[in-house]
Amino acid sequence: MKIALDAMGGDFAPQAAVDGAVLAAAKLAGKAQIVLIGQEEAVRPLLQQHGAAAASLELVHATQIIEMGEHPAKAYQQKQDSSIAVGYRMLHAGEVEAFCSAGNTGAMLVGAMFSVKPVSGVLRPAIANFTPKLAGGYGILLDVGANAECKPEMLEQFGELGSLYAQYVLGIARPKVGLMSLGEEEGKGTTVTQAAHQLLKVNPHIHFIGNIEGRDLFNDKADVVICDGYTGNVLLKMAESIYEILDAKQMHDPFFDKFNYEAIGGSPILGINDNAIIGHGVSTPLAICNMLLQGYQMAESGIADQIKSTFKS
């Protein structure tokens, strides 16, 4: 198995990418090989600095970089030899089983839509993230940024996508799915969430437990929390800020330490025909390492095939 990494993506690339890849290679020894994609003249010297520890890493040359501030669609179209475009071509061709990048989020979404493409039947893929649970483990939150506004049918599908991920990757046998709203009652919420509620409660593929409120995000009421990307992104950034505030005050707790983005490393794009993960722009080597481990976990679980099989039926 091969897991690809955009070596040029992120504020601290390629140094953080190479260092993180070396960490992941040690953890995945005998299970998977890490493939770095980027400008050889920038990446090769960094690999050489690691000596034998980097011996198992493969390097694929890509001449171009999609910068963070570039227009995603235009940059992806015009820079076909960028590390992101090359990574998606390799993923689409089956040369790697997962592709990870801490680079331009929009370009990663564009690549997912136009290269590996959405699964047939999926209206819009979603970006997922993970919520620590007070009782231990993680739940899943989606969408967290791909779709700022959603139709009720999209929210229903997010419930299915999140439930499949929770089952096959997180190992939750019968995931409980909750719809984020401003009240627990069925009639609460916007016209969109009210309509989504009606679809979710009769969907035979999920265990829908009804509306949940923001205070339920970290308890065991729901394993999968669904919302539009606008709401999800606000919740995600708020959770990240809690960790940053506590860290600045030198207050640490095992539960709140899980709010640190480095603990997971990245956010999977769910609803596409393969495995792609978007990392934080300020990803450190530890975050890169954990993103690659998550890519391996997704590929090993066969989650993309499970999603295709579910929506085909």
Protein backbone atom coordinates (compact mmCIF):
# COMPACT_ATOMS: atom_id res chain seq x y z
CA MET A 1 0.00 0.00 0.00
CA LYS A 2 1.17 3.53 -0.81
CA ILE A 3 0.04 6.77 0.86
CA ALA A 4 0.89 10.01 -0.97
CA LEU A 5 1.71 13.35 0.63
CA ASP A 6 1.86 16.80 -0.97
CA ALA A 7 5.36 17.77 0.13
CA MET A 8 4.84 21.41 -0.91
CA GLY A 9 1.55 22.00 0.94
CA GLY A 10 1.36 23.95 4.18
CA ASP A 11 2.91 27.04 5.72
CA PHE A 12 6.02 25.12 6.82
CA ALA A 13 6.51 22.97 3.73
CA PRO A 14 8.54 21.21 2.62
CA GLN A 15 10.39 20.86 5.96
CA ALA A 16 7.35 19.92 8.06
CA ALA A 17 6.08 17.58 5.35
CA VAL A 18 9.35 15.69 5.10
CA ASP A 19 9.79 15.49 8.88
CA GLY A 20 6.22 14.28 9.32
CA ALA A 21 6.58 11.73 6.53
CA VAL A 22 9.67 10.28 8.21
CA LEU A 23 7.75 9.94 11.48
CA ALA A 24 4.86 8.21 9.70
CA ALA A 25 7.18 5.92 7.74
CA ALA A 26 8.54 4.53 10.99
CA LYS A 27 5.03 3.84 12.30
CA LEU A 28 3.86 2.29 9.03
CA ALA A 29 6.95 0.17 8.41
CA GLY A 30 5.89 -3.12 6.85
CA LYS A 31 2.37 -1.83 6.25
CA ALA A 32 2.59 1.07 3.81
CA GLN A 33 5.08 3.23 1.93
CA ILE A 34 4.96 7.03 1.98
CA VAL A 35 5.21 8.79 -1.40
CA LEU A 36 6.25 12.45 -1.31
CA ILE A 37 5.17 14.64 -4.22
CA GLY A 38 7.00 17.92 -4.79
CA GLN A 39 9.94 19.78 -6.24
CA GLU A 40 12.89 17.41 -6.09
CA GLU A 41 15.47 20.15 -5.64
CA ALA A 42 13.68 21.30 -2.46
CA VAL A 43 12.71 17.92 -1.03
CA ARG A 44 15.70 15.68 -1.80
CA PRO A 45 18.21 17.53 0.46
CA LEU A 46 15.76 17.33 3.38
CA LEU A 47 15.38 13.59 2.88
CA GLN A 48 19.16 13.20 2.82
CA GLN A 49 19.39 14.95 6.18
CA HIS A 50 17.33 12.13 7.69
CA GLY A 51 19.68 9.48 6.34
CA ALA A 52 18.54 5.89 6.76
CA ALA A 53 15.28 6.96 8.42
CA ALA A 54 14.09 8.33 5.06
CA ALA A 55 15.33 5.41 2.96
CA SER A 56 11.86 3.90 2.48
CA LEU A 57 10.26 7.13 1.24
CA GLU A 58 9.57 7.55 -2.47
CA LEU A 59 9.82 10.96 -4.14
CA VAL A 60 7.79 11.95 -7.21
CA HIS A 61 8.87 15.18 -8.87
CA ALA A 62 6.26 17.92 -9.46
CA THR A 63 7.47 21.24 -10.84
CA GLN A 64 4.66 23.52 -9.66
CA ILE A 65 3.09 24.65 -6.37
CA ILE A 66 -0.46 25.89 -5.77
CA GLU A 67 0.03 28.64 -3.20
CA MET A 68 -2.40 29.20 -0.32
CA GLY A 69 -3.74 32.50 -1.69
CA GLU A 70 -4.37 31.35 -5.26
CA HIS A 71 -7.83 30.90 -6.76
CA PRO A 72 -8.44 27.15 -6.33
CA ALA A 73 -10.15 26.32 -9.62
CA LYS A 74 -7.90 28.50 -11.80
CA ALA A 75 -4.72 27.32 -10.11
CA TYR A 76 -5.66 23.65 -10.35
CA GLN A 77 -6.54 24.02 -14.04
CA GLN A 78 -3.46 26.05 -14.95
CA LYS A 79 -0.94 24.15 -12.82
CA GLN A 80 -1.33 20.57 -13.97
CA ASP A 81 2.16 19.71 -12.76
CA SER A 82 1.52 21.01 -9.26
CA SER A 83 1.99 18.67 -6.32
CA ILE A 84 -1.78 18.64 -5.72
CA ALA A 85 -2.69 17.86 -9.35
CA VAL A 86 -0.02 15.15 -9.60
CA GLY A 87 -1.20 13.64 -6.32
CA TYR A 88 -4.77 13.38 -7.55
CA ARG A 89 -3.65 11.87 -10.86
CA MET A 90 -1.76 9.19 -8.97
CA LEU A 91 -4.78 8.57 -6.73
CA HIS A 92 -7.14 8.34 -9.71
CA ALA A 93 -4.74 5.96 -11.50
CA GLY A 94 -4.58 3.66 -8.47
CA GLU A 95 -0.86 4.26 -7.96
CA VAL A 96 -1.53 5.31 -4.35
CA GLU A 97 -4.38 4.40 -1.99
CA ALA A 98 -4.73 7.80 -0.28
CA PHE A 99 -3.60 11.38 -0.89
CA CYS A 100 -2.93 13.90 1.90
CA SER A 101 -2.17 17.62 1.72
CA ALA A 102 -1.89 20.56 4.09
CA GLY A 103 -2.00 22.89 1.09
CA ASN A 104 -4.73 24.98 -0.54
CA THR A 105 -8.05 23.60 0.78
CA GLY A 106 -10.03 24.87 -2.19
CA ALA A 107 -7.63 23.25 -4.65
CA MET A 108 -7.92 19.96 -2.76
CA LEU A 109 -11.70 20.14 -3.11
CA VAL A 110 -11.47 21.06 -6.80
CA GLY A 111 -9.13 18.14 -7.39
CA ALA A 112 -11.49 15.80 -5.59
CA MET A 113 -14.46 16.96 -7.66
CA PHE A 114 -12.77 16.89 -11.06
CA SER A 115 -10.19 14.11 -10.72
CA VAL A 116 -11.41 11.23 -8.56
CA LYS A 117 -14.95 12.71 -8.71
CA PRO A 118 -17.90 12.31 -6.32
CA VAL A 119 -19.44 8.89 -5.83
CA SER A 120 -22.41 8.39 -8.14
CA GLY A 121 -25.51 9.40 -6.22
CA VAL A 122 -23.72 11.74 -3.81
CA LEU A 123 -25.04 15.28 -4.26
CA ARG A 124 -22.04 17.03 -2.69
CA PRO A 125 -19.03 15.56 -0.88
CA ALA A 126 -18.41 16.83 2.65
CA ILE A 127 -15.36 17.61 4.75
CA ALA A 128 -15.49 15.77 8.06
CA ASN A 129 -13.73 16.43 11.34
CA PHE A 130 -13.54 14.69 14.67
CA THR A 131 -14.98 15.61 18.05
CA PRO A 132 -13.45 14.24 21.26
CA LYS A 133 -15.98 12.52 23.52
CA LEU A 134 -15.99 12.90 27.29
CA ALA A 135 -16.39 9.15 27.70
CA GLY A 136 -13.42 8.50 25.40
CA GLY A 137 -12.80 8.16 21.70
CA TYR A 138 -14.05 10.44 18.94
CA GLY A 139 -17.23 11.26 17.10
CA ILE A 140 -17.49 12.75 13.63
CA LEU A 141 -18.79 16.18 12.57
CA LEU A 142 -19.73 17.05 8.98
CA ASP A 143 -19.79 19.20 6.97
CA VAL A 144 -17.09 21.55 8.29
CA GLY A 145 -16.50 23.76 5.28
CA ALA A 146 -17.10 22.30 1.83
CA ASN A 147 -20.73 23.41 1.56
CA ALA A 148 -21.64 26.64 3.34
CA GLU A 149 -25.31 26.26 2.40
CA CYS A 150 -27.04 22.91 2.12
CA LYS A 151 -30.28 21.46 0.85
CA PRO A 152 -32.16 19.04 3.14
CA GLU A 153 -31.20 16.12 0.87
CA MET A 154 -27.51 16.98 1.31
CA LEU A 155 -27.80 16.95 5.10
CA GLU A 156 -29.50 13.56 4.87
CA GLN A 157 -26.59 12.23 2.82
CA PHE A 158 -24.09 13.67 5.30
CA GLY A 159 -25.80 11.50 7.89
CA GLU A 160 -25.18 8.43 5.75
CA LEU A 161 -21.57 9.37 4.94
CA GLY A 162 -20.72 10.12 8.56
CA SER A 163 -22.42 6.95 9.77
CA LEU A 164 -20.39 4.82 7.34
CA TYR A 165 -17.13 6.46 8.44
CA ALA A 166 -17.99 6.03 12.11
CA GLN A 167 -18.79 2.37 11.53
CA TYR A 168 -15.93 1.28 9.28
CA VAL A 169 -13.09 3.58 10.38
CA LEU A 170 -13.90 4.52 13.98
CA GLY A 171 -15.29 1.06 14.74
CA ILE A 172 -18.67 2.16 16.15
CA ALA A 173 -21.09 -0.70 15.51
CA ARG A 174 -24.34 1.31 15.33
CA PRO A 175 -23.49 5.02 15.14
CA LYS A 176 -26.06 7.43 16.53
CA VAL A 177 -26.72 10.30 14.12
CA GLY A 178 -27.83 13.72 15.38
CA LEU A 179 -28.85 16.84 13.46
CA MET A 180 -27.39 20.07 14.85
CA SER A 181 -30.21 22.51 15.58
CA LEU A 182 -31.26 25.20 18.01
CA GLY A 183 -33.53 22.91 19.96
CA GLU A 184 -34.16 19.21 20.52
CA GLU A 185 -37.79 19.34 19.45
CA GLU A 186 -38.60 18.10 15.94
CA GLY A 187 -40.15 21.39 14.90
CA LYS A 188 -37.16 23.52 15.93
CA GLY A 189 -34.59 24.94 13.53
CA THR A 190 -34.58 26.52 10.08
CA THR A 191 -36.80 25.44 7.22
CA VAL A 192 -33.82 23.46 5.88
CA THR A 193 -33.11 21.58 9.12
CA GLN A 194 -36.81 20.92 9.67
CA ALA A 195 -37.08 19.37 6.21
CA ALA A 196 -33.85 17.43 6.74
CA HIS A 197 -35.24 16.06 9.99
CA GLN A 198 -38.20 14.57 8.14
CA LEU A 199 -35.87 12.84 5.67
CA LEU A 200 -33.46 11.58 8.31
CA LYS A 201 -36.09 10.05 10.59
CA VAL A 202 -37.31 7.68 7.86
CA ASN A 203 -33.88 6.84 6.39
CA PRO A 204 -33.37 3.09 6.92
CA HIS A 205 -29.57 3.27 6.53
CA ILE A 206 -28.88 5.28 9.70
CA HIS A 207 -29.72 5.31 13.40
CA PHE A 208 -31.15 8.83 13.67
CA ILE A 209 -31.71 10.08 17.22
CA GLY A 210 -33.18 13.49 16.32
CA ASN A 211 -32.02 17.06 16.85
CA ILE A 212 -29.14 17.87 19.13
CA GLU A 213 -27.87 21.19 20.46
CA GLY A 214 -24.38 22.66 20.59
CA ARG A 215 -23.94 21.47 24.18
CA ASP A 216 -24.22 17.87 22.97
CA LEU A 217 -21.20 18.00 20.68
CA PHE A 218 -18.82 16.36 23.13
CA ASN A 219 -21.12 14.01 25.05
CA ASP A 220 -22.33 10.57 23.98
CA LYS A 221 -25.72 11.64 22.68
CA ALA A 222 -24.60 11.32 19.05
CA ASP A 223 -21.62 9.69 17.36
CA VAL A 224 -22.25 11.55 14.10
CA VAL A 225 -23.26 15.22 14.08
CA ILE A 226 -24.47 16.72 10.82
CA CYS A 227 -24.81 20.36 9.83
CA ASP A 228 -24.12 22.72 6.95
CA GLY A 229 -20.50 23.70 6.29
CA TYR A 230 -20.97 27.21 7.64
CA THR A 231 -22.13 25.96 11.04
CA GLY A 232 -19.61 23.14 11.11
CA ASN A 233 -16.67 25.40 10.39
CA VAL A 234 -17.69 27.79 13.18
CA LEU A 235 -17.93 24.86 15.61
CA LEU A 236 -14.57 23.49 14.48
CA LYS A 237 -12.74 26.80 14.85
CA MET A 238 -14.32 27.39 18.25
CA ALA A 239 -13.11 23.98 19.45
CA GLU A 240 -9.60 24.74 18.20
CA SER A 241 -9.64 28.08 20.03
CA ILE A 242 -10.51 26.35 23.32
CA TYR A 243 -7.30 24.33 23.08
CA GLU A 244 -5.26 27.39 22.11
CA ILE A 245 -6.59 29.39 25.07
CA LEU A 246 -5.94 26.59 27.56
CA ASP A 247 -2.49 25.98 26.11
CA ALA A 248 -1.63 29.69 26.37
CA LYS A 249 -2.67 29.58 30.03
CA GLN A 250 -0.60 26.41 30.51
CA MET A 251 -3.70 24.47 31.49
CA HIS A 252 -3.66 20.90 30.19
CA ASP A 253 -6.10 18.04 30.47
CA PRO A 254 -6.18 14.76 28.48
CA PHE A 255 -9.66 15.53 27.15
CA PHE A 256 -8.97 19.10 26.06
CA ASP A 257 -5.60 18.11 24.61
CA LYS A 258 -7.60 16.17 22.00
CA PHE A 259 -8.89 19.52 20.71
CA ASN A 260 -5.40 20.12 19.32
CA TYR A 261 -5.61 19.68 15.54
CA GLU A 262 -2.30 17.79 15.63
CA ALA A 263 -3.98 14.86 17.37
CA ILE A 264 -5.91 13.89 14.22
CA GLY A 265 -3.90 15.72 11.58
CA GLY A 266 -6.49 16.25 8.90
CA SER A 267 -10.06 16.19 7.66
CA PRO A 268 -11.21 13.52 5.18
CA ILE A 269 -13.28 14.41 2.13
CA LEU A 270 -16.20 11.99 2.23
CA GLY A 271 -18.34 11.10 -0.77
CA ILE A 272 -15.59 10.88 -3.39
CA ASN A 273 -14.36 7.75 -5.15
CA ASP A 274 -11.11 7.50 -3.22
CA ASN A 275 -9.33 8.60 -0.03
CA ALA A 276 -8.25 12.24 0.29
CA ILE A 277 -7.44 14.19 3.45
CA ILE A 278 -6.99 17.93 3.95
CA GLY A 279 -4.58 19.06 6.65
CA HIS A 280 -4.36 22.34 8.55
CA GLY A 281 -2.29 25.02 6.80
CA VAL A 282 -0.05 25.38 9.86
CA SER A 283 0.53 21.63 10.12
CA THR A 284 3.54 20.57 12.16
CA PRO A 285 5.47 17.32 11.57
CA LEU A 286 3.27 15.61 14.19
CA ALA A 287 0.10 16.74 12.40
CA ILE A 288 1.50 15.57 9.05
CA CYS A 289 2.37 12.21 10.58
CA ASN A 290 -1.12 11.73 12.02
CA MET A 291 -2.72 12.79 8.73
CA LEU A 292 -0.75 10.08 6.93
CA LEU A 293 -1.72 7.52 9.57
CA GLN A 294 -5.34 8.49 9.06
CA GLY A 295 -4.91 8.05 5.30
CA TYR A 296 -3.60 4.54 5.91
CA GLN A 297 -6.50 3.80 8.26
CA MET A 298 -9.04 4.94 5.65
CA ALA A 299 -7.43 2.88 2.90
CA GLU A 300 -7.16 -0.18 5.14
CA SER A 301 -10.83 0.08 6.15
CA GLY A 302 -12.10 0.24 2.57
CA ILE A 303 -14.35 3.18 3.47
CA ALA A 304 -14.45 4.55 -0.10
CA ASP A 305 -15.72 1.20 -1.40
CA GLN A 306 -18.29 1.01 1.40
CA ILE A 307 -19.62 4.45 0.43
CA LYS A 308 -19.76 3.50 -3.27
CA SER A 309 -21.57 0.27 -2.45
CA THR A 310 -24.13 2.01 -0.22
CA PHE A 311 -25.01 4.76 -2.68
CA LYS A 312 -25.10 2.35 -5.62
CA SER A 313 -27.81 0.38 -3.87
